[in-house]
Amino acid sequence: MSAFPSGVGVVTALDENAVPRGMTCSSLASVALDPAVLVVCLRAGGPTSDAVLGSGRFTLNLLHEDARDVSDLFASQRPDRFERVVWRLPLGASGPHLTEAALATADCTVVRAVPFGDHTAVFGHVTRVAHTDTAAPLLYGRRRYARWSAAAAAPEPRRTEGEPRVRP
């Protein structure tokens, strides 16, 4: 699946002692629009996964294309991650919002968790969304990052005359 590009998010939650926890996640998807549900796949047994499952809540921070350093930070084992980023916990939030790194945040309530192998698929009912239209998403695939603005600016492939236009 490393060949399939995805957006990059940081899943955040508060543990039982109200300590912020977070991890980078590129295994994420929208599941349904009505009700709004998304899925994130978290490494089982890690502090973020434990905080999400223990609290029954999480926030998905979708990173903008200039936030690669934040993705790398939350993919690391650094214990001081939240001391190195700007974040806040708005009233009613499900987890910390990474205010300078996220182009969108989705506060979620866990509706189902399915353990499988070394990960757990966590389905979250989206209770609140905040986003900006001024930033583009960070992409990850083939074990490297890409900027949405660069990918979206690429010219369309040439077609030969009479060749039908194929759309996904």
C-alpha atoms as a PDB file:
ATOM      1  CA  MET A   1       0.000   0.000   0.000  1.00  0.00           C
ATOM      2  CA  SER A   2       3.014   2.302   0.178  1.00  0.00           C
ATOM      3  CA  ALA A   3       2.502   2.953  -3.555  1.00  0.00           C
ATOM      4  CA  PHE A   4      -0.928   4.469  -2.902  1.00  0.00           C
ATOM      5  CA  PRO A   5      -0.724   8.163  -1.904  1.00  0.00           C
ATOM      6  CA  SER A   6      -2.785   9.407   0.991  1.00  0.00           C
ATOM      7  CA  GLY A   7      -3.349  12.532   2.985  1.00  0.00           C
ATOM      8  CA  VAL A   8      -1.483  12.844   6.266  1.00  0.00           C
ATOM      9  CA  GLY A   9      -3.092  13.407   9.626  1.00  0.00           C
ATOM     10  CA  VAL A  10      -2.161  13.490  13.267  1.00  0.00           C
ATOM     11  CA  VAL A  11      -4.621  11.724  15.560  1.00  0.00           C
ATOM     12  CA  THR A  12      -4.768  13.311  19.006  1.00  0.00           C
ATOM     13  CA  ALA A  13      -6.531  12.462  22.253  1.00  0.00           C
ATOM     14  CA  LEU A  14      -6.227  13.009  25.979  1.00  0.00           C
ATOM     15  CA  ASP A  15      -5.299  10.071  28.186  1.00  0.00           C
ATOM     16  CA  GLU A  16      -6.911   9.286  31.562  1.00  0.00           C
ATOM     17  CA  ASN A  17      -4.668  11.925  33.216  1.00  0.00           C
ATOM     18  CA  ALA A  18      -5.539  14.597  30.608  1.00  0.00           C
ATOM     19  CA  VAL A  19      -2.056  14.270  29.061  1.00  0.00           C
ATOM     20  CA  PRO A  20      -2.161  14.995  25.310  1.00  0.00           C
ATOM     21  CA  ARG A  21      -1.212  12.059  23.065  1.00  0.00           C
ATOM     22  CA  GLY A  22      -0.762  12.015  19.315  1.00  0.00           C
ATOM     23  CA  MET A  23       0.566  10.043  16.360  1.00  0.00           C
ATOM     24  CA  THR A  24       0.957  10.524  12.624  1.00  0.00           C
ATOM     25  CA  CYS A  25      -1.555   8.556  10.580  1.00  0.00           C
ATOM     26  CA  SER A  26      -1.819   8.116   6.819  1.00  0.00           C
ATOM     27  CA  SER A  27      -4.173   5.133   7.067  1.00  0.00           C
ATOM     28  CA  LEU A  28      -7.395   7.122   7.183  1.00  0.00           C
ATOM     29  CA  ALA A  29     -10.540   7.485   5.149  1.00  0.00           C
ATOM     30  CA  SER A  30     -14.046   8.856   5.042  1.00  0.00           C
ATOM     31  CA  VAL A  31     -16.510   5.998   5.597  1.00  0.00           C
ATOM     32  CA  ALA A  32     -19.935   7.643   5.374  1.00  0.00           C
ATOM     33  CA  LEU A  33     -21.477  11.080   4.931  1.00  0.00           C
ATOM     34  CA  ASP A  34     -24.720  10.459   6.797  1.00  0.00           C
ATOM     35  CA  PRO A  35     -23.920   9.962   9.554  1.00  0.00           C
ATOM     36  CA  ALA A  36     -20.454  11.447   9.082  1.00  0.00           C
ATOM     37  CA  VAL A  37     -17.988   8.688  10.008  1.00  0.00           C
ATOM     38  CA  LEU A  38     -14.288   8.300   9.332  1.00  0.00           C
ATOM     39  CA  VAL A  39     -11.764   5.572  10.089  1.00  0.00           C
ATOM     40  CA  VAL A  40      -8.193   5.855  11.334  1.00  0.00           C
ATOM     41  CA  CYS A  41      -5.874   2.878  11.757  1.00  0.00           C
ATOM     42  CA  LEU A  42      -3.731   3.141  14.876  1.00  0.00           C
ATOM     43  CA  ARG A  43      -0.826   1.053  16.110  1.00  0.00           C
ATOM     44  CA  ALA A  44      -2.269  -1.172  18.830  1.00  0.00           C
ATOM     45  CA  GLY A  45      -0.988  -0.749  22.347  1.00  0.00           C
ATOM     46  CA  GLY A  46       0.609   2.657  21.804  1.00  0.00           C
ATOM     47  CA  PRO A  47      -0.133   5.606  24.084  1.00  0.00           C
ATOM     48  CA  THR A  48      -2.270   7.370  21.466  1.00  0.00           C
ATOM     49  CA  SER A  49      -4.310   4.280  20.682  1.00  0.00           C
ATOM     50  CA  ASP A  50      -4.787   3.636  24.400  1.00  0.00           C
ATOM     51  CA  ALA A  51      -5.895   7.260  24.945  1.00  0.00           C
ATOM     52  CA  VAL A  52      -8.367   7.107  22.037  1.00  0.00           C
ATOM     53  CA  LEU A  53      -9.890   3.821  23.168  1.00  0.00           C
ATOM     54  CA  GLY A  54      -9.850   4.815  26.847  1.00  0.00           C
ATOM     55  CA  SER A  55     -11.540   8.186  26.320  1.00  0.00           C
ATOM     56  CA  GLY A  56     -13.770   7.143  23.421  1.00  0.00           C
ATOM     57  CA  ARG A  57     -12.824  10.355  21.592  1.00  0.00           C
ATOM     58  CA  PHE A  58     -10.182  11.687  19.221  1.00  0.00           C
ATOM     59  CA  THR A  59      -9.378  14.532  16.872  1.00  0.00           C
ATOM     60  CA  LEU A  60      -8.052  14.004  13.363  1.00  0.00           C
ATOM     61  CA  ASN A  61      -5.804  16.913  12.369  1.00  0.00           C
ATOM     62  CA  LEU A  62      -5.344  16.842   8.574  1.00  0.00           C
ATOM     63  CA  LEU A  63      -1.976  18.426   7.864  1.00  0.00           C
ATOM     64  CA  HIS A  64      -1.305  21.131   5.299  1.00  0.00           C
ATOM     65  CA  GLU A  65       1.519  20.782   2.803  1.00  0.00           C
ATOM     66  CA  ASP A  66       3.963  22.876   4.845  1.00  0.00           C
ATOM     67  CA  ALA A  67       3.600  20.666   7.938  1.00  0.00           C
ATOM     68  CA  ARG A  68       5.968  17.835   7.031  1.00  0.00           C
ATOM     69  CA  ASP A  69       8.031  18.583  10.146  1.00  0.00           C
ATOM     70  CA  VAL A  70       4.942  18.061  12.309  1.00  0.00           C
ATOM     71  CA  SER A  71       4.238  14.748  10.577  1.00  0.00           C
ATOM     72  CA  ASP A  72       7.817  13.641  11.229  1.00  0.00           C
ATOM     73  CA  LEU A  73       7.622  14.812  14.854  1.00  0.00           C
ATOM     74  CA  PHE A  74       4.456  12.840  15.612  1.00  0.00           C
ATOM     75  CA  ALA A  75       5.856   9.794  13.801  1.00  0.00           C
ATOM     76  CA  SER A  76       8.847   9.891  16.166  1.00  0.00           C
ATOM     77  CA  GLN A  77       9.053   8.613  19.718  1.00  0.00           C
ATOM     78  CA  ARG A  78       9.868  12.085  21.124  1.00  0.00           C
ATOM     79  CA  PRO A  79       8.106  12.514  24.463  1.00  0.00           C
ATOM     80  CA  ASP A  80       8.005  16.333  24.068  1.00  0.00           C
ATOM     81  CA  ARG A  81       5.939  16.462  20.866  1.00  0.00           C
ATOM     82  CA  PHE A  82       3.275  18.765  22.254  1.00  0.00           C
ATOM     83  CA  GLU A  83       5.925  21.146  23.589  1.00  0.00           C
ATOM     84  CA  ARG A  84       7.259  21.571  20.030  1.00  0.00           C
ATOM     85  CA  VAL A  85       3.991  22.499  18.269  1.00  0.00           C
ATOM     86  CA  VAL A  86       1.280  25.093  18.681  1.00  0.00           C
ATOM     87  CA  TRP A  87      -1.942  23.481  19.822  1.00  0.00           C
ATOM     88  CA  ARG A  88      -5.098  24.247  21.727  1.00  0.00           C
ATOM     89  CA  LEU A  89      -7.989  22.357  23.220  1.00  0.00           C
ATOM     90  CA  PRO A  90     -11.199  24.213  22.332  1.00  0.00           C
ATOM     91  CA  LEU A  91     -14.212  23.739  24.585  1.00  0.00           C
ATOM     92  CA  GLY A  92     -15.862  20.445  23.597  1.00  0.00           C
ATOM     93  CA  ALA A  93     -12.922  19.254  21.479  1.00  0.00           C
ATOM     94  CA  SER A  94     -12.215  15.527  21.366  1.00  0.00           C
ATOM     95  CA  GLY A  95      -8.444  16.047  21.399  1.00  0.00           C
ATOM     96  CA  PRO A  96      -5.799  18.705  20.832  1.00  0.00           C
ATOM     97  CA  HIS A  97      -6.099  20.807  17.677  1.00  0.00           C
ATOM     98  CA  LEU A  98      -2.748  21.445  15.967  1.00  0.00           C
ATOM     99  CA  THR A  99      -3.642  25.011  15.071  1.00  0.00           C
ATOM    100  CA  GLU A 100      -0.656  25.947  12.890  1.00  0.00           C
ATOM    101  CA  ALA A 101      -0.175  22.579  11.162  1.00  0.00           C
ATOM    102  CA  ALA A 102      -3.730  21.499  10.333  1.00  0.00           C
ATOM    103  CA  LEU A 103      -5.782  22.572   7.344  1.00  0.00           C
ATOM    104  CA  ALA A 104      -8.765  20.795   8.911  1.00  0.00           C
ATOM    105  CA  THR A 105      -9.721  19.178  12.193  1.00  0.00           C
ATOM    106  CA  ALA A 106     -12.445  16.642  12.836  1.00  0.00           C
ATOM    107  CA  ASP A 107     -13.539  15.949  16.403  1.00  0.00           C
ATOM    108  CA  CYS A 108     -14.855  12.412  16.691  1.00  0.00           C
ATOM    109  CA  THR A 109     -16.561  10.024  19.071  1.00  0.00           C
ATOM    110  CA  VAL A 110     -15.498   6.380  18.771  1.00  0.00           C
ATOM    111  CA  VAL A 111     -18.371   4.227  17.498  1.00  0.00           C
ATOM    112  CA  ARG A 112     -16.410   1.036  16.859  1.00  0.00           C
ATOM    113  CA  ALA A 113     -12.886  -0.299  17.168  1.00  0.00           C
ATOM    114  CA  VAL A 114     -11.774  -3.382  15.273  1.00  0.00           C
ATOM    115  CA  PRO A 115      -8.422  -4.890  16.270  1.00  0.00           C
ATOM    116  CA  PHE A 116      -6.528  -6.609  13.493  1.00  0.00           C
ATOM    117  CA  GLY A 117      -2.902  -7.689  13.689  1.00  0.00           C
ATOM    118  CA  ASP A 118      -0.734  -4.932  15.093  1.00  0.00           C
ATOM    119  CA  HIS A 119      -3.294  -2.166  14.405  1.00  0.00           C
ATOM    120  CA  THR A 120      -6.802  -1.181  15.398  1.00  0.00           C
ATOM    121  CA  ALA A 121      -9.252   0.354  12.926  1.00  0.00           C
ATOM    122  CA  VAL A 122     -11.088   3.053  14.873  1.00  0.00           C
ATOM    123  CA  PHE A 123     -14.351   4.355  13.443  1.00  0.00           C
ATOM    124  CA  GLY A 124     -15.279   7.830  14.606  1.00  0.00           C
ATOM    125  CA  HIS A 125     -18.555   9.694  14.347  1.00  0.00           C
ATOM    126  CA  VAL A 126     -17.607  13.248  13.369  1.00  0.00           C
ATOM    127  CA  THR A 127     -19.134  15.719  15.817  1.00  0.00           C
ATOM    128  CA  ARG A 128     -17.420  18.919  14.657  1.00  0.00           C
ATOM    129  CA  VAL A 129     -15.254  20.016  11.727  1.00  0.00           C
ATOM    130  CA  ALA A 130     -13.135  23.124  11.300  1.00  0.00           C
ATOM    131  CA  HIS A 131     -11.181  23.870   8.128  1.00  0.00           C
ATOM    132  CA  THR A 132      -9.479  26.547   6.116  1.00  0.00           C
ATOM    133  CA  ASP A 133      -9.732  27.029   2.376  1.00  0.00           C
ATOM    134  CA  THR A 134      -6.342  28.735   2.191  1.00  0.00           C
ATOM    135  CA  ALA A 135      -4.120  25.671   2.653  1.00  0.00           C
ATOM    136  CA  ALA A 136      -3.488  22.583   0.540  1.00  0.00           C
ATOM    137  CA  PRO A 137      -3.049  19.051   1.960  1.00  0.00           C
ATOM    138  CA  LEU A 138       0.177  17.180   2.592  1.00  0.00           C
ATOM    139  CA  LEU A 139       0.427  13.878   0.708  1.00  0.00           C
ATOM    140  CA  TYR A 140       2.408  10.736   1.499  1.00  0.00           C
ATOM    141  CA  GLY A 141       3.126   7.754  -0.744  1.00  0.00           C
ATOM    142  CA  ARG A 142       6.029   5.574  -1.824  1.00  0.00           C
ATOM    143  CA  ARG A 143       7.623   6.448   1.515  1.00  0.00           C
ATOM    144  CA  ARG A 144       7.953  10.141   0.715  1.00  0.00           C
ATOM    145  CA  TYR A 145       5.985  13.360   0.966  1.00  0.00           C
ATOM    146  CA  ALA A 146       4.475  15.426  -1.830  1.00  0.00           C
ATOM    147  CA  ARG A 147       2.726  18.763  -1.992  1.00  0.00           C
ATOM    148  CA  TRP A 148      -0.864  18.843  -3.236  1.00  0.00           C
ATOM    149  CA  SER A 149      -0.250  22.172  -4.964  1.00  0.00           C
ATOM    150  CA  ALA A 150       2.547  20.629  -7.059  1.00  0.00           C
ATOM    151  CA  ALA A 151       0.488  17.539  -7.907  1.00  0.00           C
ATOM    152  CA  ALA A 152      -2.582  19.601  -8.819  1.00  0.00           C
ATOM    153  CA  ALA A 153      -0.493  21.907 -11.029  1.00  0.00           C
ATOM    154  CA  ALA A 154       0.848  19.076 -13.190  1.00  0.00           C
ATOM    155  CA  PRO A 155      -0.509  19.195 -16.744  1.00  0.00           C
ATOM    156  CA  GLU A 156      -2.957  16.542 -17.842  1.00  0.00           C
ATOM    157  CA  PRO A 157      -1.458  13.690 -19.853  1.00  0.00           C
ATOM    158  CA  ARG A 158      -1.552  14.101 -23.618  1.00  0.00           C
ATOM    159  CA  ARG A 159      -4.317  12.293 -25.447  1.00  0.00           C
ATOM    160  CA  THR A 160      -4.378  11.224 -29.011  1.00  0.00           C
ATOM    161  CA  GLU A 161      -7.203  12.580 -31.088  1.00  0.00           C
ATOM    162  CA  GLY A 162     -10.383  10.561 -30.739  1.00  0.00           C
ATOM    163  CA  GLU A 163      -9.221   8.902 -27.502  1.00  0.00           C
ATOM    164  CA  PRO A 164     -12.021   9.064 -24.917  1.00  0.00           C
ATOM    165  CA  ARG A 165     -11.365  11.021 -21.772  1.00  0.00           C
ATOM    166  CA  VAL A 166     -11.386   8.658 -18.795  1.00  0.00           C
ATOM    167  CA  ARG A 167     -12.365   9.994 -15.395  1.00  0.00           C
ATOM    168  CA  PRO A 168     -12.051   8.120 -12.116  1.00  0.00           C
END
